PDB file of N, CA and C in Angstrom:
ATOM      1  N   MET A   1      87.173  88.723 119.875  1.00  0.00           N
ATOM      2  CA  MET A   1      87.263  89.565 118.251  1.00  0.00           C
ATOM      3  C   MET A   1      88.250  90.428 118.298  1.00  0.00           C
ATOM      4  N   GLN A   2      89.058  89.971 116.785  1.00  0.00           N
ATOM      5  CA  GLN A   2      90.112  91.244 116.287  1.00  0.00           C
ATOM      6  C   GLN A   2      89.803  92.083 116.569  1.00  0.00           C
ATOM      7  N   GLY A   3      90.887  93.572 116.921  1.00  0.00           N
ATOM      8  CA  GLY A   3      90.297  94.598 116.193  1.00  0.00           C
ATOM      9  C   GLY A   3      91.239  95.130 115.116  1.00  0.00           C
ATOM     10  N   ASN A   4      90.633  96.118 114.897  1.00  0.00           N
ATOM     11  CA  ASN A   4      90.798  97.055 113.519  1.00  0.00           C
ATOM     12  C   ASN A   4      92.296  96.999 113.259  1.00  0.00           C
ATOM     13  N   ARG A   5      93.074  96.598 112.546  1.00  0.00           N
ATOM     14  CA  ARG A   5      94.453  97.092 112.075  1.00  0.00           C
ATOM     15  C   ARG A   5      94.551  97.555 110.831  1.00  0.00           C
ATOM     16  N   GLU A   6      95.752  98.732 110.931  1.00  0.00           N
ATOM     17  CA  GLU A   6      95.735  99.402 109.615  1.00  0.00           C
ATOM     18  C   GLU A   6      97.432  99.426 109.189  1.00  0.00           C
ATOM     19  N   TYR A   7      97.192  99.087 107.978  1.00  0.00           N
ATOM     20  CA  TYR A   7      98.695  99.118 107.326  1.00  0.00           C
ATOM     21  C   TYR A   7      98.967 100.690 106.665  1.00  0.00           C
ATOM     22  N   GLY A   8     100.131 100.206 106.512  1.00  0.00           N
ATOM     23  CA  GLY A   8     100.658 101.419 105.543  1.00  0.00           C
ATOM     24  C   GLY A   8     101.335 102.857 106.210  1.00  0.00           C
ATOM     25  N   PHE A   9     100.861 103.925 105.524  1.00  0.00           N
ATOM     26  CA  PHE A   9     101.465 105.036 106.525  1.00  0.00           C
ATOM     27  C   PHE A   9      99.937 106.022 105.821  1.00  0.00           C
ATOM     28  N   GLY A  10     100.224 107.267 107.116  1.00  0.00           N
ATOM     29  CA  GLY A  10      99.016 107.882 106.764  1.00  0.00           C
ATOM     30  C   GLY A  10      99.606 109.214 105.825  1.00  0.00           C
ATOM     31  N   ILE A  11      98.997 109.940 105.784  1.00  0.00           N
ATOM     32  CA  ILE A  11      99.270 111.583 105.056  1.00  0.00           C
ATOM     33  C   ILE A  11     100.207 112.151 106.071  1.00  0.00           C
ATOM     34  N   ILE A  12      99.909 112.250 107.014  1.00  0.00           N
ATOM     35  CA  ILE A  12     100.672 112.877 108.130  1.00  0.00           C
ATOM     36  C   ILE A  12     102.302 112.289 107.898  1.00  0.00           C
ATOM     37  N   GLU A  13     102.304 110.834 108.350  1.00  0.00           N
ATOM     38  CA  GLU A  13     103.695 110.694 107.871  1.00  0.00           C
ATOM     39  C   GLU A  13     104.052 110.968 106.474  1.00  0.00           C
ATOM     40  N   LEU A  14     103.507 110.308 105.651  1.00  0.00           N
ATOM     41  CA  LEU A  14     103.936 111.082 104.051  1.00  0.00           C
ATOM     42  C   LEU A  14     104.910 112.317 104.095  1.00  0.00           C
ATOM     43  N   VAL A  15     103.790 113.158 104.330  1.00  0.00           N
ATOM     44  CA  VAL A  15     104.174 114.548 104.439  1.00  0.00           C
ATOM     45  C   VAL A  15     105.216 115.049 104.866  1.00  0.00           C
ATOM     46  N   VAL A  16     105.535 114.324 106.597  1.00  0.00           N
ATOM     47  CA  VAL A  16     106.667 114.716 107.166  1.00  0.00           C
ATOM     48  C   VAL A  16     108.180 114.015 106.642  1.00  0.00           C
ATOM     49  N   THR A  17     107.651 112.744 106.320  1.00  0.00           N
ATOM     50  CA  THR A  17     109.019 112.064 105.486  1.00  0.00           C
ATOM     51  C   THR A  17     109.336 112.670 104.368  1.00  0.00           C
ATOM     52  N   LEU A  18     108.697 113.311 103.511  1.00  0.00           N
ATOM     53  CA  LEU A  18     108.580 114.497 102.332  1.00  0.00           C
ATOM     54  C   LEU A  18     109.565 115.917 102.668  1.00  0.00           C
ATOM     55  N   ALA A  19     109.245 116.028 104.116  1.00  0.00           N
ATOM     56  CA  ALA A  19     109.880 117.567 104.444  1.00  0.00           C
ATOM     57  C   ALA A  19     111.186 117.134 104.500  1.00  0.00           C
ATOM     58  N   VAL A  20     111.522 116.258 105.242  1.00  0.00           N
ATOM     59  CA  VAL A  20     112.741 115.606 105.693  1.00  0.00           C
ATOM     60  C   VAL A  20     113.913 115.347 104.495  1.00  0.00           C
ATOM     61  N   VAL A  21     113.041 114.430 103.610  1.00  0.00           N
ATOM     62  CA  VAL A  21     113.663 114.395 102.672  1.00  0.00           C
ATOM     63  C   VAL A  21     114.347 115.540 101.801  1.00  0.00           C
ATOM     64  N   GLY A  22     113.337 116.371 101.854  1.00  0.00           N
ATOM     65  CA  GLY A  22     113.341 117.683 101.268  1.00  0.00           C
ATOM     66  C   GLY A  22     114.689 118.694 101.746  1.00  0.00           C
ATOM     67  N   ILE A  23     114.159 118.689 103.277  1.00  0.00           N
ATOM     68  CA  ILE A  23     115.694 119.514 103.635  1.00  0.00           C
ATOM     69  C   ILE A  23     117.438 118.903 103.493  1.00  0.00           C
ATOM     70  N   LEU A  24     117.294 117.424 103.627  1.00  0.00           N
ATOM     71  CA  LEU A  24     118.458 116.674 103.864  1.00  0.00           C
ATOM     72  C   LEU A  24     119.035 116.907 102.288  1.00  0.00           C
ATOM     73  N   ALA A  25     118.095 116.685 101.309  1.00  0.00           N
ATOM     74  CA  ALA A  25     118.647 117.136  99.730  1.00  0.00           C
ATOM     75  C   ALA A  25     118.766 118.770  99.695  1.00  0.00           C
ATOM     76  N   THR A  26     118.363 119.515  99.926  1.00  0.00           N
ATOM     77  CA  THR A  26     118.579 120.921 100.178  1.00  0.00           C
ATOM     78  C   THR A  26     120.262 121.084 100.804  1.00  0.00           C
ATOM     79  N   ILE A  27     120.399 120.415 101.428  1.00  0.00           N
ATOM     80  CA  ILE A  27     121.963 120.652 102.578  1.00  0.00           C
ATOM     81  C   ILE A  27     122.928 119.976 101.763  1.00  0.00           C
ATOM     82  N   ALA A  28     122.304 118.950 101.272  1.00  0.00           N
ATOM     83  CA  ALA A  28     123.448 118.176 100.123  1.00  0.00           C
ATOM     84  C   ALA A  28     123.906 118.630  99.085  1.00  0.00           C
ATOM     85  N   ALA A  29     122.937 119.339  98.412  1.00  0.00           N
ATOM     86  CA  ALA A  29     123.033 119.906  96.958  1.00  0.00           C
ATOM     87  C   ALA A  29     124.291 120.447  96.731  1.00  0.00           C
ATOM     88  N   PRO A  30     124.900 121.607  97.400  1.00  0.00           N
ATOM     89  CA  PRO A  30     125.943 122.426  97.343  1.00  0.00           C
ATOM     90  C   PRO A  30     127.193 121.619  97.375  1.00  0.00           C
ATOM     91  N   SER A  31     127.166 120.882  98.172  1.00  0.00           N
ATOM     92  CA  SER A  31     128.963 120.037  98.686  1.00  0.00           C
ATOM     93  C   SER A  31     128.299 119.135  97.545  1.00  0.00           C
ATOM     94  N   LEU A  32     127.283 118.516  96.652  1.00  0.00           N
ATOM     95  CA  LEU A  32     127.384 117.816  95.649  1.00  0.00           C
ATOM     96  C   LEU A  32     128.026 118.366  94.419  1.00  0.00           C
ATOM     97  N   MET A  33     127.362 119.466  94.119  1.00  0.00           N
ATOM     98  CA  MET A  33     127.957 120.517  93.252  1.00  0.00           C
ATOM     99  C   MET A  33     129.416 120.363  93.319  1.00  0.00           C
ATOM    100  N   THR A  34     129.986 120.884  94.616  1.00  0.00           N
ATOM    101  CA  THR A  34     131.805 120.855  94.643  1.00  0.00           C
ATOM    102  C   THR A  34     132.386 119.960  94.352  1.00  0.00           C
ATOM    103  N   MET A  35     131.460 118.506  95.017  1.00  0.00           N
ATOM    104  CA  MET A  35     132.242 117.849  94.438  1.00  0.00           C
ATOM    105  C   MET A  35     132.444 117.239  92.829  1.00  0.00           C
ATOM    106  N   ILE A  36     131.352 117.033  92.335  1.00  0.00           N
ATOM    107  CA  ILE A  36     131.566 116.892  90.369  1.00  0.00           C
ATOM    108  C   ILE A  36     132.500 118.021  90.439  1.00  0.00           C
ATOM    109  N   ARG A  37     132.054 119.443  90.737  1.00  0.00           N
ATOM    110  CA  ARG A  37     133.657 120.326  89.813  1.00  0.00           C
ATOM    111  C   ARG A  37     134.892 119.875  90.275  1.00  0.00           C
ATOM    112  N   ASP A  38     135.065 119.799  91.422  1.00  0.00           N
ATOM    113  CA  ASP A  38     136.552 119.111  92.238  1.00  0.00           C
ATOM    114  C   ASP A  38     136.703 117.860  90.939  1.00  0.00           C
ATOM    115  N   ASN A  39     135.980 117.017  91.111  1.00  0.00           N
ATOM    116  CA  ASN A  39     136.677 115.311  90.724  1.00  0.00           C
ATOM    117  C   ASN A  39     136.537 115.953  88.846  1.00  0.00           C
ATOM    118  N   ARG A  40     135.901 116.776  88.039  1.00  0.00           N
ATOM    119  CA  ARG A  40     136.219 117.357  86.805  1.00  0.00           C
ATOM    120  C   ARG A  40     137.528 118.263  87.042  1.00  0.00           C
ATOM    121  N   MET A  41     138.095 119.064  87.895  1.00  0.00           N
ATOM    122  CA  MET A  41     139.189 119.711  88.030  1.00  0.00           C
ATOM    123  C   MET A  41     140.619 118.112  88.062  1.00  0.00           C
ATOM    124  N   THR A  42     140.157 117.175  88.907  1.00  0.00           N
ATOM    125  CA  THR A  42     140.863 116.330  88.793  1.00  0.00           C
ATOM    126  C   THR A  42     141.387 115.510  87.452  1.00  0.00           C
ATOM    127  N   ALA A  43     140.233 115.140  86.933  1.00  0.00           N
ATOM    128  CA  ALA A  43     140.638 114.518  85.566  1.00  0.00           C
ATOM    129  C   ALA A  43     140.877 115.057  84.568  1.00  0.00           C
ATOM    130  N   TYR A  44     140.926 116.708  84.254  1.00  0.00           N
ATOM    131  CA  TYR A  44     141.370 117.256  83.706  1.00  0.00           C
ATOM    132  C   TYR A  44     142.679 117.151  83.817  1.00  0.00           C
ATOM    133  N   THR A  45     143.546 117.564  85.240  1.00  0.00           N
ATOM    134  CA  THR A  45     144.528 117.371  85.623  1.00  0.00           C
ATOM    135  C   THR A  45     145.041 116.450  84.930  1.00  0.00           C
ATOM    136  N   ASN A  46     145.025 115.021  85.511  1.00  0.00           N
ATOM    137  CA  ASN A  46     145.457 114.130  85.134  1.00  0.00           C
ATOM    138  C   ASN A  46     145.858 113.366  83.656  1.00  0.00           C
ATOM    139  N   GLN A  47     144.619 114.322  83.002  1.00  0.00           N
ATOM    140  CA  GLN A  47     144.263 114.104  81.514  1.00  0.00           C
ATOM    141  C   GLN A  47     145.958 114.806  81.125  1.00  0.00           C
ATOM    142  N   LEU A  48     146.233 116.088  81.679  1.00  0.00           N
ATOM    143  CA  LEU A  48     147.360 116.945  81.026  1.00  0.00           C
ATOM    144  C   LEU A  48     148.420 116.237  81.688  1.00  0.00           C
ATOM    145  N   THR A  49     148.638 115.752  82.237  1.00  0.00           N
ATOM    146  CA  THR A  49     149.292 115.277  82.859  1.00  0.00           C
ATOM    147  C   THR A  49     150.267 114.002  82.327  1.00  0.00           C
ATOM    148  N   ALA A  50     149.176 113.294  82.020  1.00  0.00           N
ATOM    149  CA  ALA A  50     149.178 112.570  81.222  1.00  0.00           C
ATOM    150  C   ALA A  50     149.796 112.436  79.753  1.00  0.00           C
ATOM    151  N   THR A  51     149.377 113.335  78.918  1.00  0.00           N
ATOM    152  CA  THR A  51     149.784 114.224  78.042  1.00  0.00           C
ATOM    153  C   THR A  51     151.212 114.615  77.953  1.00  0.00           C
ATOM    154  N   LEU A  52     151.525 115.419  79.175  1.00  0.00           N
ATOM    155  CA  LEU A  52     152.893 115.718  79.142  1.00  0.00           C
ATOM    156  C   LEU A  52     153.582 114.671  79.662  1.00  0.00           C
ATOM    157  N   MET A  53     153.578 113.739  80.066  1.00  0.00           N
ATOM    158  CA  MET A  53     154.502 112.512  80.397  1.00  0.00           C
ATOM    159  C   MET A  53     154.441 111.456  79.001  1.00  0.00           C
ATOM    160  N   ARG A  54     153.671 111.424  78.141  1.00  0.00           N
ATOM    161  CA  ARG A  54     153.653 110.835  76.930  1.00  0.00           C
ATOM    162  C   ARG A  54     154.583 111.486  76.070  1.00  0.00           C
ATOM    163  N   ALA A  55     154.358 113.226  76.003  1.00  0.00           N
ATOM    164  CA  ALA A  55     154.759 113.715  74.920  1.00  0.00           C
ATOM    165  C   ALA A  55     156.260 113.400  75.701  1.00  0.00           C
ATOM    166  N   ARG A  56     156.584 113.516  76.855  1.00  0.00           N
ATOM    167  CA  ARG A  56     158.414 113.385  77.054  1.00  0.00           C
ATOM    168  C   ARG A  56     159.012 112.359  76.642  1.00  0.00           C
ATOM    169  N   SER A  57     158.003 111.493  77.462  1.00  0.00           N
ATOM    170  CA  SER A  57     158.394 109.699  76.872  1.00  0.00           C
ATOM    171  C   SER A  57     158.758 109.606  75.123  1.00  0.00           C
ATOM    172  N   GLU A  58     157.765 110.252  74.189  1.00  0.00           N
ATOM    173  CA  GLU A  58     158.085 110.202  73.257  1.00  0.00           C
ATOM    174  C   GLU A  58     159.596 110.893  72.697  1.00  0.00           C
ATOM    175  N   ALA A  59     159.634 112.204  73.032  1.00  0.00           N
ATOM    176  CA  ALA A  59     160.676 113.325  72.904  1.00  0.00           C
ATOM    177  C   ALA A  59     162.164 112.328  73.058  1.00  0.00           C
ATOM    178  N   ILE A  60     161.768 111.295  74.077  1.00  0.00           N
ATOM    179  CA  ILE A  60     163.247 111.207  74.082  1.00  0.00           C
ATOM    180  C   ILE A  60     163.309 109.518  73.624  1.00  0.00           C
ATOM    181  N   SER A  61     162.417 108.853  73.198  1.00  0.00           N
ATOM    182  CA  SER A  61     162.672 107.618  72.044  1.00  0.00           C
ATOM    183  C   SER A  61     163.041 108.254  70.815  1.00  0.00           C
ATOM    184  N   ARG A  62     162.161 109.065  70.616  1.00  0.00           N
ATOM    185  CA  ARG A  62     162.640 109.790  68.797  1.00  0.00           C
ATOM    186  C   ARG A  62     163.794 110.586  68.608  1.00  0.00           C
ATOM    187  N   ARG A  63     164.349 111.247  70.057  1.00  0.00           N
ATOM    188  CA  ARG A  63     165.158 111.732  70.075  1.00  0.00           C
ATOM    189  C   ARG A  63     165.094 113.141  69.206  1.00  0.00           C
ATOM    190  N   GLY A  64     163.941 113.867  69.439  1.00  0.00           N
ATOM    191  CA  GLY A  64     163.539 114.687  68.689  1.00  0.00           C
ATOM    192  C   GLY A  64     162.588 115.831  69.388  1.00  0.00           C
ATOM    193  N   SER A  65     161.938 116.544  68.837  1.00  0.00           N
ATOM    194  CA  SER A  65     161.329 117.456  69.678  1.00  0.00           C
ATOM    195  C   SER A  65     159.881 117.347  69.442  1.00  0.00           C
ATOM    196  N   VAL A  66     159.270 117.349  70.662  1.00  0.00           N
ATOM    197  CA  VAL A  66     157.531 116.640  71.009  1.00  0.00           C
ATOM    198  C   VAL A  66     157.014 117.960  71.524  1.00  0.00           C
ATOM    199  N   THR A  67     156.059 118.737  70.904  1.00  0.00           N
ATOM    200  CA  THR A  67     155.479 119.968  71.397  1.00  0.00           C
ATOM    201  C   THR A  67     153.808 119.232  72.204  1.00  0.00           C
ATOM    202  N   VAL A  68     152.981 120.409  72.747  1.00  0.00           N
ATOM    203  CA  VAL A  68     152.045 120.087  73.229  1.00  0.00           C
ATOM    204  C   VAL A  68     151.204 121.786  73.578  1.00  0.00           C
ATOM    205  N   CYS A  69     150.521 121.552  72.522  1.00  0.00           N
ATOM    206  CA  CYS A  69     149.874 122.877  72.538  1.00  0.00           C
ATOM    207  C   CYS A  69     148.208 122.656  72.237  1.00  0.00           C
ATOM    208  N   PRO A  70     147.680 123.812  72.802  1.00  0.00           N
ATOM    209  CA  PRO A  70     146.076 123.395  72.960  1.00  0.00           C
ATOM    210  C   PRO A  70     145.353 123.891  71.488  1.00  0.00           C
ATOM    211  N   SER A  71     144.442 122.880  71.581  1.00  0.00           N
ATOM    212  CA  SER A  71     144.294 122.561  70.516  1.00  0.00           C
ATOM    213  C   SER A  71     142.348 122.599  70.897  1.00  0.00           C
ATOM    214  N   SER A  72     141.443 122.708  69.916  1.00  0.00           N
ATOM    215  CA  SER A  72     139.835 122.866  70.054  1.00  0.00           C
ATOM    216  C   SER A  72     139.493 121.588  68.932  1.00  0.00           C
ATOM    217  N   ASN A  73     140.240 121.325  67.469  1.00  0.00           N
ATOM    218  CA  ASN A  73     139.708 120.509  67.093  1.00  0.00           C
ATOM    219  C   ASN A  73     140.288 118.976  66.989  1.00  0.00           C
ATOM    220  N   GLY A  74     141.874 118.884  67.951  1.00  0.00           N
ATOM    221  CA  GLY A  74     142.643 117.410  67.909  1.00  0.00           C
ATOM    222  C   GLY A  74     143.196 117.582  66.800  1.00  0.00           C
ATOM    223  N   THR A  75     143.162 118.519  65.609  1.00  0.00           N
ATOM    224  CA  THR A  75     144.358 118.173  64.399  1.00  0.00           C
ATOM    225  C   THR A  75     145.638 119.823  64.565  1.00  0.00           C
ATOM    226  N   ALA A  76     145.090 120.467  65.230  1.00  0.00           N
ATOM    227  CA  ALA A  76     146.208 121.575  64.968  1.00  0.00           C
ATOM    228  C   ALA A  76     145.981 122.612  66.110  1.00  0.00           C
ATOM    229  N   CYS A  77     147.370 123.283  66.017  1.00  0.00           N
ATOM    230  CA  CYS A  77     147.558 124.399  67.137  1.00  0.00           C
ATOM    231  C   CYS A  77     146.167 125.323  66.813  1.00  0.00           C
ATOM    232  N   ASN A  78     145.203 125.602  67.416  1.00  0.00           N
ATOM    233  CA  ASN A  78     144.994 126.667  66.894  1.00  0.00           C
ATOM    234  C   ASN A  78     143.962 128.206  68.218  1.00  0.00           C
ATOM    235  N   THR A  79     144.493 127.341  69.494  1.00  0.00           N
ATOM    236  CA  THR A  79     143.696 128.463  70.021  1.00  0.00           C
ATOM    237  C   THR A  79     144.301 128.844  71.283  1.00  0.00           C
ATOM    238  N   THR A  80     143.961 129.324  71.949  1.00  0.00           N
ATOM    239  CA  THR A  80     144.659 129.885  73.777  1.00  0.00           C
ATOM    240  C   THR A  80     144.255 129.130  74.581  1.00  0.00           C
ATOM    241  N   GLN A  81     143.009 128.706  74.189  1.00  0.00           N
ATOM    242  CA  GLN A  81     142.154 128.506  75.740  1.00  0.00           C
ATOM    243  C   GLN A  81     142.305 126.623  75.532  1.00  0.00           C
ATOM    244  N   ALA A  82     143.656 126.408  76.507  1.00  0.00           N
ATOM    245  CA  ALA A  82     143.654 124.802  76.809  1.00  0.00           C
ATOM    246  C   ALA A  82     142.605 124.384  77.530  1.00  0.00           C
ATOM    247  N   GLU A  83     141.501 125.079  78.285  1.00  0.00           N
ATOM    248  CA  GLU A  83     140.393 123.785  78.532  1.00  0.00           C
ATOM    249  C   GLU A  83     139.195 123.259  77.516  1.00  0.00           C
ATOM    250  N   LEU A  84     139.794 123.783  76.717  1.00  0.00           N
ATOM    251  CA  LEU A  84     139.214 123.187  74.887  1.00  0.00           C
ATOM    252  C   LEU A  84     139.934 121.939  74.554  1.00  0.00           C
ATOM    253  N   GLY A  85     141.171 121.294  75.368  1.00  0.00           N
ATOM    254  CA  GLY A  85     141.559 120.425  74.687  1.00  0.00           C
ATOM    255  C   GLY A  85     142.653 121.135  74.437  1.00  0.00           C
ATOM    256  N   TRP A  86     143.731 119.907  73.914  1.00  0.00           N
ATOM    257  CA  TRP A  86     145.282 120.011  73.966  1.00  0.00           C
ATOM    258  C   TRP A  86     145.833 118.526  72.758  1.00  0.00           C
ATOM    259  N   ILE A  87     147.030 119.056  71.790  1.00  0.00           N
ATOM    260  CA  ILE A  87     147.457 117.891  71.286  1.00  0.00           C
ATOM    261  C   ILE A  87     148.798 117.713  71.520  1.00  0.00           C
ATOM    262  N   SER A  88     149.189 116.829  71.227  1.00  0.00           N
ATOM    263  CA  SER A  88     151.092 116.889  71.435  1.00  0.00           C
ATOM    264  C   SER A  88     151.350 116.220  69.928  1.00  0.00           C
ATOM    265  N   PHE A  89     152.170 116.758  69.506  1.00  0.00           N
ATOM    266  CA  PHE A  89     152.801 115.732  68.197  1.00  0.00           C
ATOM    267  C   PHE A  89     154.465 115.951  68.134  1.00  0.00           C
ATOM    268  N   TRP A  90     154.760 114.944  67.163  1.00  0.00           N
ATOM    269  CA  TRP A  90     156.172 115.255  66.827  1.00  0.00           C
ATOM    270  C   TRP A  90     156.772 116.242  65.766  1.00  0.00           C
ATOM    271  N   ASP A  91     157.360 117.799  66.275  1.00  0.00           N
ATOM    272  CA  ASP A  91     157.910 118.723  65.691  1.00  0.00           C
ATOM    273  C   ASP A  91     158.902 118.271  64.798  1.00  0.00           C
ATOM    274  N   VAL A  92     159.444 117.917  64.080  1.00  0.00           N
ATOM    275  CA  VAL A  92     160.225 117.682  63.173  1.00  0.00           C
ATOM    276  C   VAL A  92     161.495 118.779  62.721  1.00  0.00           C
ATOM    277  N   ASP A  93     160.581 119.627  62.674  1.00  0.00           N
ATOM    278  CA  ASP A  93     161.139 121.059  62.664  1.00  0.00           C
ATOM    279  C   ASP A  93     161.395 121.902  63.313  1.00  0.00           C
ATOM    280  N   ALA A  94     161.098 121.659  64.516  1.00  0.00           N
ATOM    281  CA  ALA A  94     161.476 122.370  66.002  1.00  0.00           C
ATOM    282  C   ALA A  94     160.752 123.464  66.448  1.00  0.00           C
ATOM    283  N   ASP A  95     159.759 124.095  65.310  1.00  0.00           N
ATOM    284  CA  ASP A  95     159.140 125.313  65.438  1.00  0.00           C
ATOM    285  C   ASP A  95     157.887 125.586  65.903  1.00  0.00           C
ATOM    286  N   GLY A  96     157.590 124.243  66.739  1.00  0.00           N
ATOM    287  CA  GLY A  96     156.506 124.873  67.544  1.00  0.00           C
ATOM    288  C   GLY A  96     155.106 124.420  67.293  1.00  0.00           C
ATOM    289  N   VAL A  97     155.232 124.913  65.707  1.00  0.00           N
ATOM    290  CA  VAL A  97     153.470 124.677  64.880  1.00  0.00           C
ATOM    291  C   VAL A  97     153.567 123.082  64.105  1.00  0.00           C
ATOM    292  N   ALA A  98     152.297 123.083  64.337  1.00  0.00           N
ATOM    293  CA  ALA A  98     152.017 121.316  63.454  1.00  0.00           C
ATOM    294  C   ALA A  98     151.642 121.824  62.254  1.00  0.00           C
ATOM    295  N   ASP A  99     152.544 121.256  61.504  1.00  0.00           N
ATOM    296  CA  ASP A  99     152.813 121.043  60.322  1.00  0.00           C
ATOM    297  C   ASP A  99     151.897 119.924  59.832  1.00  0.00           C
ATOM    298  N   GLY A 100     151.542 120.494  58.132  1.00  0.00           N
ATOM    299  CA  GLY A 100     150.767 119.243  57.528  1.00  0.00           C
ATOM    300  C   GLY A 100     151.210 118.287  57.611  1.00  0.00           C
ATOM    301  N   GLY A 101     151.915 117.645  57.900  1.00  0.00           N
ATOM    302  CA  GLY A 101     152.534 116.143  57.502  1.00  0.00           C
ATOM    303  C   GLY A 101     153.028 115.765  59.439  1.00  0.00           C
ATOM    304  N   ALA A 102     152.726 117.007  60.397  1.00  0.00           N
ATOM    305  CA  ALA A 102     152.667 116.733  61.389  1.00  0.00           C
ATOM    306  C   ALA A 102     151.931 115.331  62.563  1.00  0.00           C
ATOM    307  N   GLU A 103     152.838 114.279  63.020  1.00  0.00           N
ATOM    308  CA  GLU A 103     152.336 112.978  63.548  1.00  0.00           C
ATOM    309  C   GLU A 103     152.064 113.570  64.854  1.00  0.00           C
ATOM    310  N   VAL A 104     150.263 113.507  65.064  1.00  0.00           N
ATOM    311  CA  VAL A 104     149.877 113.883  66.084  1.00  0.00           C
ATOM    312  C   VAL A 104     149.952 112.419  67.491  1.00  0.00           C
ATOM    313  N   ILE A 105     150.517 112.488  68.588  1.00  0.00           N
ATOM    314  CA  ILE A 105     151.022 111.214  69.002  1.00  0.00           C
ATOM    315  C   ILE A 105     149.642 111.310  70.502  1.00  0.00           C
TER     316      ILE A 105
END
């Protein structure tokens, strides 16, 4: 005669496993949030650096003034909060203002 074989997990094993997973998730969550914040900061820094390098390159190739300024709508300089976005444009009259016909780069 063969003995009774039980397959699967009992309720005790499942509760212990869920407790261990919960503890590990609680420990990992703060460092995960820090990593996400740091990655966002790095992405914004890389975007700004790329915009500044492109503006410099355009100024050299056009032999004129290219301005980079904060912008919330992507068409005009209208905010002092650079975290909302920025634009670069060919500043024909070198006044630092995106005129109506300014070419956004």
